[in-house]
Amino acid sequence: MAYINDINARKASFNKRKKSIFKKVSELTILCGIQACAIIQNPFDFQIEVWPNPERVDQVIERYQNTSLINESRNMNQESFFIQRISKAQQKLHNLRKDNYEKKITLAMFEYIQTRKLPENLTIEDLKVMDDIREKYMKEIENKKAILY
C-alpha cells in the first residue's frame, strides 16, 4: 500500500472504500445483531458522512458513552493495562530476587556447615537472614520429630 498521488484516483479509491466500509458495517449489524455506526470525514469536501443516519449514530455514541461510564472499572485503556502489567512484573521480579537471595544465604549456610568457614562477602544483614533461615529449618525439624514420636 502507498499513498495515491493522483487526486482523481485518490477520490475514486476513497469513494469505493467508503462504500465498502459502510457495507461491511451494515453486514456486521445484520449478521451479529449488534448496533454499530460509521463516521467518515470526506477529505475532499470536508463533509462528515455517517452510516446509517445521524440519529442512529447519535444513539450508538450515547449508548457507548453511557456504557463507558457504567463499566468504567471494566474498560481499561492501554495505559492502565500496561501500568498494571508492569506493576505485576515488578512484584514478580521482587519475589524472585528475594527467593534467589534466600537460596544464596541457604547455600552459604550449608557451605559453612560443611567447611566451618563463612564466605567472606557476607554482611551482618546476611548473617541475620541466615539465622532466620536456620530457625525456620529447626522449627521444621521439631515439627517432623513431633509427628514421628
Protein backbone atom coordinates (compact mmCIF):
# COMPACT_ATOMS: atom_id res chain seq x y z
CA MET A 1 0.00 0.00 0.00
CA ALA A 2 1.13 3.51 -0.76
CA TYR A 3 -0.31 6.98 -0.83
CA ILE A 4 -2.17 7.71 -4.09
CA ASN A 5 -0.67 10.85 -5.60
CA ASP A 6 -3.21 11.33 -8.40
CA ILE A 7 -6.15 13.25 -6.87
CA ASN A 8 -8.77 11.76 -9.19
CA ALA A 9 -7.59 8.23 -8.47
CA ARG A 10 -7.49 9.06 -4.75
CA LYS A 11 -11.09 10.37 -4.86
CA ALA A 12 -12.26 7.27 -6.71
CA SER A 13 -10.46 5.00 -4.23
CA PHE A 14 -11.92 6.95 -1.30
CA ASN A 15 -15.49 6.63 -2.60
CA LYS A 16 -15.08 2.94 -3.39
CA ARG A 17 -13.59 2.12 0.00
CA LYS A 18 -16.11 4.28 1.86
CA LYS A 19 -18.97 2.34 0.27
CA SER A 20 -17.18 -0.89 1.18
CA ILE A 21 -16.82 0.18 4.83
CA PHE A 22 -20.48 1.19 5.05
CA LYS A 23 -21.47 -2.16 3.51
CA LYS A 24 -19.28 -4.10 5.99
CA VAL A 25 -20.79 -2.22 8.96
CA SER A 26 -24.26 -2.97 7.61
CA GLU A 27 -23.40 -6.66 7.26
CA LEU A 28 -21.95 -6.73 10.78
CA THR A 29 -25.14 -5.27 12.29
CA ILE A 30 -27.34 -7.76 10.40
CA LEU A 31 -25.24 -10.90 10.88
CA CYS A 32 -24.35 -10.33 14.52
CA GLY A 33 -27.42 -8.43 15.67
CA ILE A 34 -25.44 -5.54 17.07
CA GLN A 35 -25.74 -1.79 17.00
CA ALA A 36 -22.98 -0.11 15.01
CA CYS A 37 -22.29 3.02 13.06
CA ALA A 38 -19.62 4.51 10.86
CA ILE A 39 -18.38 8.09 10.74
CA ILE A 40 -16.07 9.18 7.94
CA GLN A 41 -14.79 12.64 7.10
CA ASN A 42 -14.54 13.23 3.38
CA PRO A 43 -11.10 14.83 2.83
CA PHE A 44 -12.15 16.40 -0.46
CA ASP A 45 -15.15 18.46 0.61
CA PHE A 46 -14.68 18.20 4.41
CA GLN A 47 -18.16 16.80 4.95
CA ILE A 48 -18.82 14.23 7.65
CA GLU A 49 -20.56 11.16 6.27
CA VAL A 50 -22.35 8.73 8.57
CA TRP A 51 -23.99 5.34 8.35
CA PRO A 52 -26.87 4.51 8.77
CA ASN A 53 -28.14 8.03 9.62
CA PRO A 54 -27.28 10.83 12.08
CA GLU A 55 -30.00 9.80 14.56
CA ARG A 56 -28.75 6.19 14.78
CA VAL A 57 -25.17 7.41 15.05
CA ASP A 58 -26.18 9.64 17.98
CA GLN A 59 -27.91 6.67 19.65
CA VAL A 60 -24.89 4.40 19.25
CA ILE A 61 -22.50 7.06 20.54
CA GLU A 62 -24.76 7.87 23.51
CA ARG A 63 -25.05 4.17 24.34
CA TYR A 64 -21.26 3.81 24.16
CA GLN A 65 -20.71 6.81 26.44
CA ASN A 66 -23.27 5.56 28.96
CA THR A 67 -21.78 2.06 28.94
CA SER A 68 -18.30 3.51 29.39
CA LEU A 69 -19.41 5.45 32.46
CA ILE A 70 -21.23 2.48 33.99
CA ASN A 71 -18.47 -0.04 33.33
CA GLU A 72 -15.50 2.27 33.78
CA SER A 73 -13.75 -0.21 36.04
CA ARG A 74 -14.01 -2.88 33.33
CA ASN A 75 -13.00 -0.65 30.44
CA MET A 76 -9.25 -0.42 30.82
CA ASN A 77 -7.38 1.81 28.49
CA GLN A 78 -3.99 0.72 27.23
CA GLU A 79 -2.07 2.89 29.66
CA SER A 80 -3.74 1.48 32.78
CA PHE A 81 -3.43 -2.04 31.35
CA PHE A 82 0.33 -1.66 30.88
CA ILE A 83 0.76 0.04 34.26
CA GLN A 84 -0.97 -2.96 35.84
CA ARG A 85 1.20 -5.41 33.86
CA ILE A 86 4.38 -3.53 34.81
CA SER A 87 3.35 -3.50 38.46
CA LYS A 88 2.74 -7.26 38.43
CA ALA A 89 6.06 -7.87 36.68
CA GLN A 90 7.88 -5.71 39.23
CA GLN A 91 6.26 -7.62 42.09
CA LYS A 92 7.22 -10.92 40.48
CA LEU A 93 10.80 -9.67 39.99
CA HIS A 94 10.93 -8.60 43.64
CA ASN A 95 9.72 -12.04 44.77
CA LEU A 96 12.23 -13.82 42.52
CA ARG A 97 15.08 -11.66 43.82
CA LYS A 98 14.01 -12.40 47.39
CA ASP A 99 13.89 -16.14 46.67
CA ASN A 100 17.31 -16.02 45.00
CA TYR A 101 18.75 -14.11 47.95
CA GLU A 102 17.36 -16.63 50.43
CA LYS A 103 18.75 -19.50 48.34
CA LYS A 104 22.15 -17.79 48.24
CA ILE A 105 22.14 -17.41 52.03
CA THR A 106 20.95 -21.01 52.50
CA LEU A 107 23.74 -22.21 50.24
CA ALA A 108 26.24 -20.16 52.29
CA MET A 109 24.83 -21.71 55.47
CA PHE A 110 25.25 -25.25 54.16
CA GLU A 111 28.74 -24.36 52.96
CA TYR A 112 29.54 -23.21 56.50
CA ILE A 113 28.19 -26.47 57.94
CA GLN A 114 30.48 -28.48 55.64
CA THR A 115 33.65 -26.36 55.82
CA ARG A 116 33.23 -24.35 59.04
CA LYS A 117 34.17 -21.26 57.00
CA LEU A 118 31.83 -18.39 56.29
CA PRO A 119 32.02 -16.79 52.86
CA GLU A 120 33.94 -13.51 53.13
CA ASN A 121 31.39 -11.35 51.36
CA LEU A 122 28.56 -11.85 53.91
CA THR A 123 27.24 -8.79 55.72
CA ILE A 124 25.66 -8.50 59.17
CA GLU A 125 22.25 -8.42 57.47
CA ASP A 126 23.12 -11.63 55.59
CA LEU A 127 24.04 -13.29 58.88
CA LYS A 128 20.73 -12.20 60.43
CA VAL A 129 18.84 -13.66 57.47
CA MET A 130 20.92 -16.83 57.78
CA ASP A 131 19.91 -17.09 61.42
CA ASP A 132 16.24 -16.66 60.48
CA ILE A 133 16.58 -19.43 57.87
CA ARG A 134 18.32 -21.65 60.40
CA GLU A 135 15.50 -21.00 62.84
CA LYS A 136 12.95 -21.94 60.16
CA TYR A 137 14.76 -25.22 59.45
CA MET A 138 14.96 -26.01 63.18
CA LYS A 139 11.19 -25.49 63.53
CA GLU A 140 10.58 -27.81 60.57
CA ILE A 141 12.80 -30.44 62.18
CA GLU A 142 10.97 -30.11 65.52
CA ASN A 143 7.60 -30.46 63.75
CA LYS A 144 8.74 -33.60 61.91
CA LYS A 145 10.07 -35.08 65.14
CA ALA A 146 6.77 -34.39 66.87
CA ILE A 147 4.88 -36.14 64.07
CA LEU A 148 7.18 -39.18 64.20
CA TYR A 149 7.01 -39.59 68.01
